[in-house]
């Protein structure tokens, strides 16, 4: 695995600026690594931009050699989920339904923001068709298994940003872009042992990203470390770069929710979560258990009449009526249930959501973060999910259970790895209210340090 691609973004930046490596050598290392791990039958990447990436790398190396002022991360490669527009390319969103659509006339905003900072787009990553699953399956192009799982032990990569999560774990790029509607950044992060972020929705533009649910869709980054995720969040949001302040855990107050988010956990997940909380307490943090009735309201809506499903039906009903045979049958099944949700029910759920957002924002005022397992389960075996619709539906619902709570209350959340060496990948989530992204990153960096030290 190429060493440089697994360094922090600051470390890679320092190597580029000092001449220890070049943008071209980084991009070449990226494509070499992709060639080694990208199984055509179960691809991490659906599209590669080899020629344009190498040409851009040469431009950046020449500009740096000429002493021109470049962005801090100029020359660093990144990947983007297949639903982001790339100028001159058709955006298929993991489907075959859209393959004959016109090419995009401009880049998605988040893609353009990273390009403007000098970063180099190397390809588009695999995903669940139309981003509509927490498991990451794709019958059209093949499903990349969770990193480190192979053969009969192959596990679901998490979705819908499956390739984005695996691309980081596989060491192909230091940054990958995904989207999160009900957990699609955090679940792949948890099941591949990397860091994934779901921002406050309004903080990052979704322009140029094929929608699943405009009410909930939120672009977010995958990286190896919290500080890198923070840097990419700021770039994606078009914000000035700032460093995370160093903070001690003994200055922090955390909450753990009673009820739904902590119910019926896999024993290994539960043990890892408790162990991590104990590590934080030992480091001086205050941890309290609290009731979060907003989560119970969110869970009820998600189970009975998901608001995102209503919008997915609005977006796809015409295509689904015309060419149902081109859809992933599992995606078609989920989209079709949206026709059973009335306008009145959607409006009533919007009222419930507004009340939940207000209640959760007030509840979190005095806490640095709320803590919970990213998912209730370990990465599930892949094979049964591909053939049994009932198993798929039940497993998908479990995968999305915890993460979707945060989308409902329009919060921000980050998943960081908390497994020990002998354990499968397990995600530990820190969550906060909308608009509290910077506060959450500070807490997450302190927690990450404690986990790594412990």
Foldseek 3Di string as FASTA:
>chain_A
DDPLQQDFLLVNLVCCLVVVDFLLVQLVLLVVLLVVPADQQAGLFDWFDNPVQNVLRVVQRVCSVVVHDAASNASAEEEEALQWADAPAFRQQLFPLRRPPGHDNHTFLLVVLVVRRRYGYTGHGHFDRQFPFQQCARPPRHHHFQPPADDQRGFGLTARSRSQLNCALSSSGQKYKDKCQLQHFPLNCQQNFWKKKFALAVQADPGRGRDLAVLFIHMAMIGRALQSRVQSSCSRSVHDDDGFDADFQLVFEEEEEPPDQAPPFDPVQNVLQVVLVVLSVVSNHHYYYDYQVLLVLLLVCCVPPPLSLLVNLVVCVVVCVVCVVRHDVLSSVSNVCNVVQDPVNSVVLVVSLVVSLVSQQVVCPRGLWYKGWQFRYHRHRDVVLNPDSVVVVVVRCRNSSNRNSCSSSSKMKMWHFQDDPVDRRTTMMTIGHHPCVSSNSNVRNNSVVSSVVD
